[in-house]
């Protein structure tokens, strides 16, 4: 049976990929040691997703292993060896805010962990397709040099600029900008994935994601913008907006649309490719616009406060140009818009969020 190895399998992208490729008849081998809870606290734990995968995905095998552990990764890859046809590397320390609190851990997880996986793939499954979940933070704050125009609810790119119609392409420079430590660690891994494709002929690609989202996202204040915002609106939890008057723009792609893109690449792989991957021109919003949508869906006012200082290295305006990927894979297109994404996040999580609130209240009562 063809095997798909998925790192970060209990996360948003990993869990969506696990279900998708298992449904195609592949055996899915998940690797995830639950570090998201260590990074962001118990509210961000992905244990609930891991349990669902084990219960609901036929033949799913889970390894609670650290991707930085070369010996363990080698044993896993050696076990499945030539049966491995696909590797989706979605494990990461995903927050540029958290990275600044512990740069060595951020770098070892994102850069060294990717190096370990690439070498295991090269040794034991050199013909497998290797897909790396990168980030638009590899461009640093270079997008902030674009000519932006302030509107009522958002910043917008000047319509005379070449990027205005489709968004930011892969040709944007990664140099001479403030990246954040997270951006640097992800960029190191990104370039390494490209090099293993070009130098060793491996079938590899970097998908530089904008805001990745969906109902399986364990959103938290430091990572998971839309999911956490929707949760705050529904549970009346205070939310903080940082800088740019709340008009900063993000494109948002549903994990299901992303995994369909992975599948297209898997069917017709290339070596050392790079794709900007997000919601593009058809699925983006500002923070103020997202707050308004969340309030409408939840039927409640969001309790939010504004902080003038923006996050260092943060983008004012980001919309991914999807034209390169679409030119290579003409059957693919984004199917989800932001309102549809938010409605699904709300509908599929409102019961679980309510249970979490009750549990925290009981714990607080017991402690008192």
Protein backbone atom coordinates (compact mmCIF):
# COMPACT_ATOMS: atom_id res chain seq x y z
CA UNK A 1 0.00 0.00 0.00
CA UNK A 2 1.22 3.50 -0.82
CA UNK A 3 2.23 5.38 2.34
CA UNK A 4 1.87 9.09 3.12
CA UNK A 5 4.00 10.39 5.99
CA UNK A 6 2.55 13.58 7.49
CA UNK A 7 4.34 15.63 10.13
CA UNK A 8 2.28 17.91 12.33
CA UNK A 9 -0.48 15.38 11.71
CA UNK A 10 -2.71 16.63 14.54
CA UNK A 11 -2.53 20.22 13.36
CA UNK A 12 -4.77 22.05 10.93
CA UNK A 13 -2.96 21.18 7.70
CA UNK A 14 -1.74 17.78 8.82
CA UNK A 15 -5.11 16.49 9.98
CA UNK A 16 -6.86 17.70 6.82
CA UNK A 17 -4.18 15.97 4.74
CA UNK A 18 -4.44 12.77 6.79
CA UNK A 19 -8.16 12.43 6.15
CA UNK A 20 -7.87 13.40 2.49
CA UNK A 21 -5.13 10.98 1.49
CA UNK A 22 -6.49 8.15 3.63
CA UNK A 23 -9.77 8.53 1.72
CA UNK A 24 -7.78 7.98 -1.48
CA UNK A 25 -6.68 4.57 -0.17
CA UNK A 26 -3.24 5.50 1.14
CA UNK A 27 -1.93 4.40 4.51
CA UNK A 28 -1.30 7.53 6.56
CA UNK A 29 1.55 7.66 9.04
CA UNK A 30 1.27 10.70 11.29
CA UNK A 31 4.11 12.26 13.28
CA UNK A 32 3.15 14.79 15.96
CA UNK A 33 4.43 15.12 19.53
CA UNK A 34 1.91 17.72 20.66
CA UNK A 35 4.33 20.63 21.01
CA UNK A 36 1.61 23.15 20.10
CA UNK A 37 0.35 22.92 23.69
CA UNK A 38 3.91 23.50 24.94
CA UNK A 39 4.19 26.58 22.73
CA UNK A 40 0.79 28.17 23.37
CA UNK A 41 -0.81 26.49 26.38
CA UNK A 42 -3.49 23.85 26.92
CA UNK A 43 -6.16 25.77 24.98
CA UNK A 44 -4.08 25.25 21.83
CA UNK A 45 -3.66 21.51 22.36
CA UNK A 46 -4.29 19.31 19.32
CA UNK A 47 -4.96 16.20 21.38
CA UNK A 48 -8.64 16.32 20.39
CA UNK A 49 -7.67 16.07 16.72
CA UNK A 50 -5.18 13.25 17.30
CA UNK A 51 -7.87 11.26 19.10
CA UNK A 52 -10.31 11.80 16.24
CA UNK A 53 -7.77 10.67 13.64
CA UNK A 54 -7.08 7.45 15.55
CA UNK A 55 -10.79 6.77 15.96
CA UNK A 56 -12.04 7.80 12.53
CA UNK A 57 -9.28 7.33 9.92
CA UNK A 58 -8.94 3.74 8.78
CA UNK A 59 -5.41 2.40 9.18
CA UNK A 60 -4.03 5.63 10.63
CA UNK A 61 -0.75 5.12 12.52
CA UNK A 62 0.50 7.82 14.89
CA UNK A 63 4.02 8.42 16.20
CA UNK A 64 4.49 10.88 19.05
CA UNK A 65 8.03 11.72 18.00
CA UNK A 66 10.14 14.86 17.67
CA UNK A 67 11.12 15.68 14.10
CA UNK A 68 14.52 16.87 15.40
CA UNK A 69 15.35 13.33 16.54
CA UNK A 70 17.32 11.94 13.60
CA UNK A 71 17.44 8.38 14.96
CA UNK A 72 13.67 8.18 15.45
CA UNK A 73 12.90 9.73 12.09
CA UNK A 74 15.28 7.30 10.39
CA UNK A 75 13.57 4.34 12.06
CA UNK A 76 10.13 5.50 10.95
CA UNK A 77 11.22 6.15 7.38
CA UNK A 78 13.21 2.90 7.21
CA UNK A 79 10.15 0.93 8.32
CA UNK A 80 8.06 2.10 5.34
CA UNK A 81 10.94 2.86 2.94
CA UNK A 82 10.00 2.38 -0.72
CA UNK A 83 6.29 2.26 0.12
CA UNK A 84 6.47 5.98 0.95
CA UNK A 85 5.16 7.94 -2.01
CA UNK A 86 4.27 11.22 -0.28
CA UNK A 87 5.72 13.27 2.57
CA UNK A 88 3.84 16.34 3.80
CA UNK A 89 5.92 18.32 6.27
CA UNK A 90 3.55 20.55 8.24
CA UNK A 91 5.14 20.35 11.70
CA UNK A 92 6.50 23.68 12.92
CA UNK A 93 6.82 26.31 15.57
CA UNK A 94 4.33 28.59 13.78
CA UNK A 95 4.39 31.95 15.59
CA UNK A 96 6.79 34.81 14.97
CA UNK A 97 5.86 36.25 18.39
CA UNK A 98 6.73 33.01 20.17
CA UNK A 99 9.98 32.64 18.21
CA UNK A 100 11.37 35.77 19.85
CA UNK A 101 10.89 34.21 23.30
CA UNK A 102 13.07 31.20 22.46
CA UNK A 103 15.02 31.58 19.21
CA UNK A 104 17.07 28.35 19.57
CA UNK A 105 13.97 26.16 19.91
CA UNK A 106 12.25 27.95 17.04
CA UNK A 107 15.25 27.42 14.76
CA UNK A 108 15.86 23.80 15.68
CA UNK A 109 12.21 22.84 15.18
CA UNK A 110 11.73 24.69 11.91
CA UNK A 111 15.15 24.49 10.25
CA UNK A 112 16.95 21.52 11.82
CA UNK A 113 13.78 19.43 11.91
CA UNK A 114 13.28 19.98 8.19
CA UNK A 115 16.90 19.01 7.54
CA UNK A 116 16.41 15.76 9.45
CA UNK A 117 13.28 14.90 7.46
CA UNK A 118 14.82 15.73 4.09
CA UNK A 119 17.80 13.51 4.80
CA UNK A 120 15.56 10.65 5.98
CA UNK A 121 13.55 11.01 2.79
CA UNK A 122 16.68 11.07 0.63
CA UNK A 123 18.05 7.93 2.30
CA UNK A 124 14.92 5.80 2.53
CA UNK A 125 12.34 7.22 0.08
CA UNK A 126 14.19 9.23 -2.60
CA UNK A 127 11.35 8.89 -5.11
CA UNK A 128 8.68 10.22 -2.75
CA UNK A 129 7.10 13.64 -3.26
CA UNK A 130 8.19 16.04 -0.49
CA UNK A 131 5.79 18.93 0.24
CA UNK A 132 6.89 21.56 2.74
CA UNK A 133 4.42 23.93 4.39
CA UNK A 134 6.36 27.19 4.29
CA UNK A 135 5.09 30.73 4.98
CA UNK A 136 4.84 34.16 3.41
CA UNK A 137 6.97 35.39 6.34
CA UNK A 138 10.01 34.31 4.29
CA UNK A 139 9.61 37.66 2.50
CA UNK A 140 10.06 39.54 5.77
CA UNK A 141 8.43 42.95 5.87
CA UNK A 142 9.28 43.59 2.21
CA UNK A 143 5.53 43.80 1.36
CA UNK A 144 5.28 46.85 3.64
CA UNK A 145 7.31 48.84 1.11
CA UNK A 146 4.48 48.54 -1.42
CA UNK A 147 2.44 51.70 -2.13
CA UNK A 148 -0.56 51.26 0.13
CA UNK A 149 -3.70 53.38 0.32
CA UNK A 150 -5.80 53.68 3.48
CA UNK A 151 -9.51 52.92 3.04
CA UNK A 152 -12.37 52.97 5.56
CA UNK A 153 -11.87 49.39 6.76
CA UNK A 154 -8.59 48.25 5.17
CA UNK A 155 -5.28 49.09 3.61
CA UNK A 156 -5.29 48.46 -0.11
CA UNK A 157 -2.56 48.35 -2.74
CA UNK A 158 -2.45 51.28 -5.14
CA UNK A 159 -4.35 50.15 -8.21
CA UNK A 160 -1.57 51.32 -10.53
CA UNK A 161 0.86 48.79 -9.05
CA UNK A 162 1.55 45.56 -11.01
CA UNK A 163 0.57 43.42 -7.98
CA UNK A 164 -2.83 45.08 -7.54
CA UNK A 165 -4.84 42.68 -9.69
CA UNK A 166 -3.50 39.29 -8.56
CA UNK A 167 -1.42 39.80 -5.43
CA UNK A 168 2.21 39.25 -4.48
CA UNK A 169 4.19 36.80 -6.67
CA UNK A 170 7.08 34.46 -5.86
CA UNK A 171 9.51 36.90 -7.51
CA UNK A 172 9.35 39.34 -4.58
CA UNK A 173 12.79 39.68 -2.98
CA UNK A 174 13.52 37.98 0.33
CA UNK A 175 16.50 40.28 0.99
CA UNK A 176 16.97 43.61 2.81
CA UNK A 177 13.98 43.27 5.11
CA UNK A 178 13.06 42.50 8.72
CA UNK A 179 12.00 38.88 8.76
CA UNK A 180 11.31 38.05 12.41
CA UNK A 181 13.19 35.09 13.84
CA UNK A 182 10.34 32.81 12.78
CA UNK A 183 10.65 34.06 9.21
CA UNK A 184 14.36 33.26 9.24
CA UNK A 185 13.93 29.71 10.54
CA UNK A 186 11.21 28.97 8.01
CA UNK A 187 13.25 30.54 5.19
CA UNK A 188 16.24 28.35 6.05
CA UNK A 189 14.03 25.29 5.75
CA UNK A 190 12.36 26.64 2.59
CA UNK A 191 15.68 27.10 0.76
CA UNK A 192 16.86 23.68 1.94
CA UNK A 193 13.75 22.00 0.49
CA UNK A 194 14.40 23.76 -2.81
CA UNK A 195 18.04 22.68 -2.77
CA UNK A 196 17.25 19.01 -2.12
CA UNK A 197 15.00 19.20 -5.17
CA UNK A 198 17.52 20.90 -7.43
CA UNK A 199 20.73 19.28 -6.13
CA UNK A 200 19.52 15.73 -5.50
CA UNK A 201 16.64 15.67 -7.98
CA UNK A 202 14.02 15.07 -5.29
CA UNK A 203 10.43 15.98 -6.12
CA UNK A 204 9.98 18.83 -3.68
CA UNK A 205 7.92 21.97 -3.29
CA UNK A 206 7.55 24.83 -0.82
CA UNK A 207 4.02 26.19 -0.35
CA UNK A 208 4.41 29.67 1.12
CA UNK A 209 1.15 30.01 2.99
CA UNK A 210 -0.70 33.15 3.93
CA UNK A 211 -3.28 32.64 6.67
CA UNK A 212 -4.19 28.95 6.75
CA UNK A 213 -7.46 28.24 8.47
CA UNK A 214 -10.43 25.93 8.90
CA UNK A 215 -12.59 24.28 11.58
CA UNK A 216 -9.76 22.00 12.77
CA UNK A 217 -7.53 24.91 13.74
CA UNK A 218 -6.71 25.07 17.46
CA UNK A 219 -6.47 28.84 17.33
CA UNK A 220 -4.70 30.85 20.00
CA UNK A 221 -3.75 34.50 20.49
CA UNK A 222 -0.26 34.02 19.02
CA UNK A 223 -1.31 31.86 16.07
CA UNK A 224 -4.50 31.02 14.21
CA UNK A 225 -5.99 34.41 13.37
CA UNK A 226 -9.48 33.56 12.03
CA UNK A 227 -10.14 30.51 14.21
CA UNK A 228 -9.16 32.33 17.40
CA UNK A 229 -11.08 35.47 16.44
CA UNK A 230 -14.23 33.45 15.79
CA UNK A 231 -13.77 31.61 19.09
CA UNK A 232 -13.38 34.90 20.98
CA UNK A 233 -16.54 36.29 19.42
CA UNK A 234 -18.56 33.18 20.22
CA UNK A 235 -17.30 32.78 23.80
CA UNK A 236 -17.14 36.52 24.64
CA UNK A 237 -13.38 36.33 25.22
CA UNK A 238 -11.44 39.63 24.95
CA UNK A 239 -9.32 40.00 21.81
CA UNK A 240 -6.30 42.25 21.12
CA UNK A 241 -5.63 43.97 17.79
CA UNK A 242 -2.04 45.06 17.20
CA UNK A 243 -1.24 48.07 15.04
CA UNK A 244 -2.08 49.39 11.55
CA UNK A 245 -5.45 50.70 12.85
CA UNK A 246 -6.85 47.18 12.56
CA UNK A 247 -6.90 47.61 8.80
CA UNK A 248 -4.13 45.10 8.01
CA UNK A 249 -5.18 42.71 5.24
CA UNK A 250 -4.62 38.95 5.05
CA UNK A 251 -5.69 36.43 2.47
CA UNK A 252 -7.15 33.30 4.02
CA UNK A 253 -7.17 29.80 2.57
CA UNK A 254 -9.23 26.92 3.91
CA UNK A 255 -7.16 23.84 4.68
CA UNK A 256 -9.34 21.81 2.28
CA UNK A 257 -8.38 24.08 -0.63
CA UNK A 258 -4.73 23.79 0.37
CA UNK A 259 -4.79 19.99 0.51
CA UNK A 260 -6.38 19.83 -2.94
CA UNK A 261 -3.41 21.87 -4.15
CA UNK A 262 -1.07 19.37 -2.49
CA UNK A 263 -2.87 16.57 -4.33
CA UNK A 264 -2.42 18.30 -7.69
CA UNK A 265 1.31 18.60 -7.04
CA UNK A 266 1.50 14.98 -5.90
CA UNK A 267 -0.04 13.82 -9.17
CA UNK A 268 2.35 15.91 -11.31
CA UNK A 269 5.39 16.72 -9.13
CA UNK A 270 8.28 19.00 -10.00
CA UNK A 271 11.69 19.56 -8.36
CA UNK A 272 12.55 22.49 -6.10
CA UNK A 273 9.36 24.45 -6.77
CA UNK A 274 8.03 27.43 -4.82
CA UNK A 275 4.41 28.57 -4.73
CA UNK A 276 2.71 31.43 -2.90
CA UNK A 277 -0.45 29.86 -1.54
CA UNK A 278 -3.35 31.66 0.10
CA UNK A 279 -6.88 32.80 -0.52
CA UNK A 280 -5.70 35.22 -3.19
CA UNK A 281 -7.78 38.06 -4.53
CA UNK A 282 -11.04 36.20 -3.89
CA UNK A 283 -10.61 35.34 -0.20
CA UNK A 284 -9.08 38.06 1.95
CA UNK A 285 -10.12 40.51 4.65
CA UNK A 286 -8.82 43.12 7.06
CA UNK A 287 -8.90 42.67 10.82
CA UNK A 288 -11.80 45.14 11.11
CA UNK A 289 -13.72 43.31 8.39
CA UNK A 290 -13.09 39.93 10.05
CA UNK A 291 -14.34 41.28 13.39
CA UNK A 292 -17.55 42.47 11.75
CA UNK A 293 -18.14 39.09 10.09
CA UNK A 294 -17.48 37.21 13.33
CA UNK A 295 -19.94 39.40 15.21
CA UNK A 296 -22.63 38.78 12.60
CA UNK A 297 -22.13 35.01 12.69
CA UNK A 298 -21.91 34.76 16.49
CA UNK A 299 -24.73 37.26 17.05
CA UNK A 300 -22.58 38.96 19.70
CA UNK A 301 -20.35 41.99 20.01
CA UNK A 302 -16.65 41.10 20.16
CA UNK A 303 -14.83 42.45 23.20
CA UNK A 304 -11.68 43.83 21.59
CA UNK A 305 -9.06 46.41 22.38
CA UNK A 306 -6.53 48.15 20.16
CA UNK A 307 -2.78 48.31 20.78
CA UNK A 308 -0.89 50.87 18.71
CA UNK A 309 2.35 48.86 18.43
CA UNK A 310 2.26 46.36 15.59
CA UNK A 311 3.99 43.01 15.77
CA UNK A 312 7.58 43.31 14.47
CA UNK A 313 7.93 42.10 10.90
CA UNK A 314 4.17 41.87 10.49
CA UNK A 315 2.59 42.55 7.10
CA UNK A 316 0.26 45.50 6.50
CA UNK A 317 -1.14 43.99 3.31
CA UNK A 318 -0.74 40.47 2.00
CA UNK A 319 -2.61 38.84 -0.87
CA UNK A 320 -1.01 35.82 -2.57
CA UNK A 321 -0.65 35.76 -6.33
CA UNK A 322 -1.86 32.25 -7.22
CA UNK A 323 -1.24 32.51 -10.95
CA UNK A 324 1.98 30.47 -10.99
CA UNK A 325 0.36 27.47 -9.30
CA UNK A 326 -2.76 27.80 -11.44
CA UNK A 327 -0.63 27.85 -14.60
CA UNK A 328 0.99 24.57 -13.55
CA UNK A 329 -2.23 22.95 -12.28
CA UNK A 330 -5.17 24.23 -14.24
CA UNK A 331 -7.80 22.09 -12.48
CA UNK A 332 -7.30 23.83 -9.14
CA UNK A 333 -9.05 26.91 -7.77
CA UNK A 334 -9.96 28.32 -4.35
CA UNK A 335 -13.49 27.24 -3.38
CA UNK A 336 -13.87 28.87 0.06
CA UNK A 337 -14.40 32.57 0.77
CA UNK A 338 -13.79 34.21 4.15
CA UNK A 339 -17.49 34.33 5.20
CA UNK A 340 -17.90 30.65 4.30
CA UNK A 341 -14.75 29.76 6.25
CA UNK A 342 -15.86 31.65 9.35
CA UNK A 343 -19.34 30.13 9.29
CA UNK A 344 -17.86 26.64 9.12
CA UNK A 345 -15.40 27.35 11.94
CA UNK A 346 -18.28 28.57 14.10
CA UNK A 347 -20.73 25.77 13.30
CA UNK A 348 -18.26 22.92 13.77
CA UNK A 349 -16.72 24.23 17.02
CA UNK A 350 -19.39 26.07 18.99
CA UNK A 351 -20.28 22.99 21.05
CA UNK A 352 -16.63 22.17 21.82
CA UNK A 353 -15.87 25.78 22.77
CA UNK A 354 -18.81 25.73 25.18
CA UNK A 355 -17.49 22.58 26.81
CA UNK A 356 -14.03 24.15 27.20
CA UNK A 357 -15.54 27.17 28.96
CA UNK A 358 -17.45 24.96 31.41
CA UNK A 359 -14.29 22.95 32.13
CA UNK A 360 -12.24 26.10 32.86
CA UNK A 361 -14.98 27.46 35.14
CA UNK A 362 -15.08 24.16 37.08
CA UNK A 363 -11.28 24.13 37.40
CA UNK A 364 -11.28 27.72 38.67
CA UNK A 365 -14.03 26.87 41.20
CA UNK A 366 -12.12 23.82 42.44
CA UNK A 367 -8.90 25.83 42.82
CA UNK A 368 -10.69 28.42 44.93
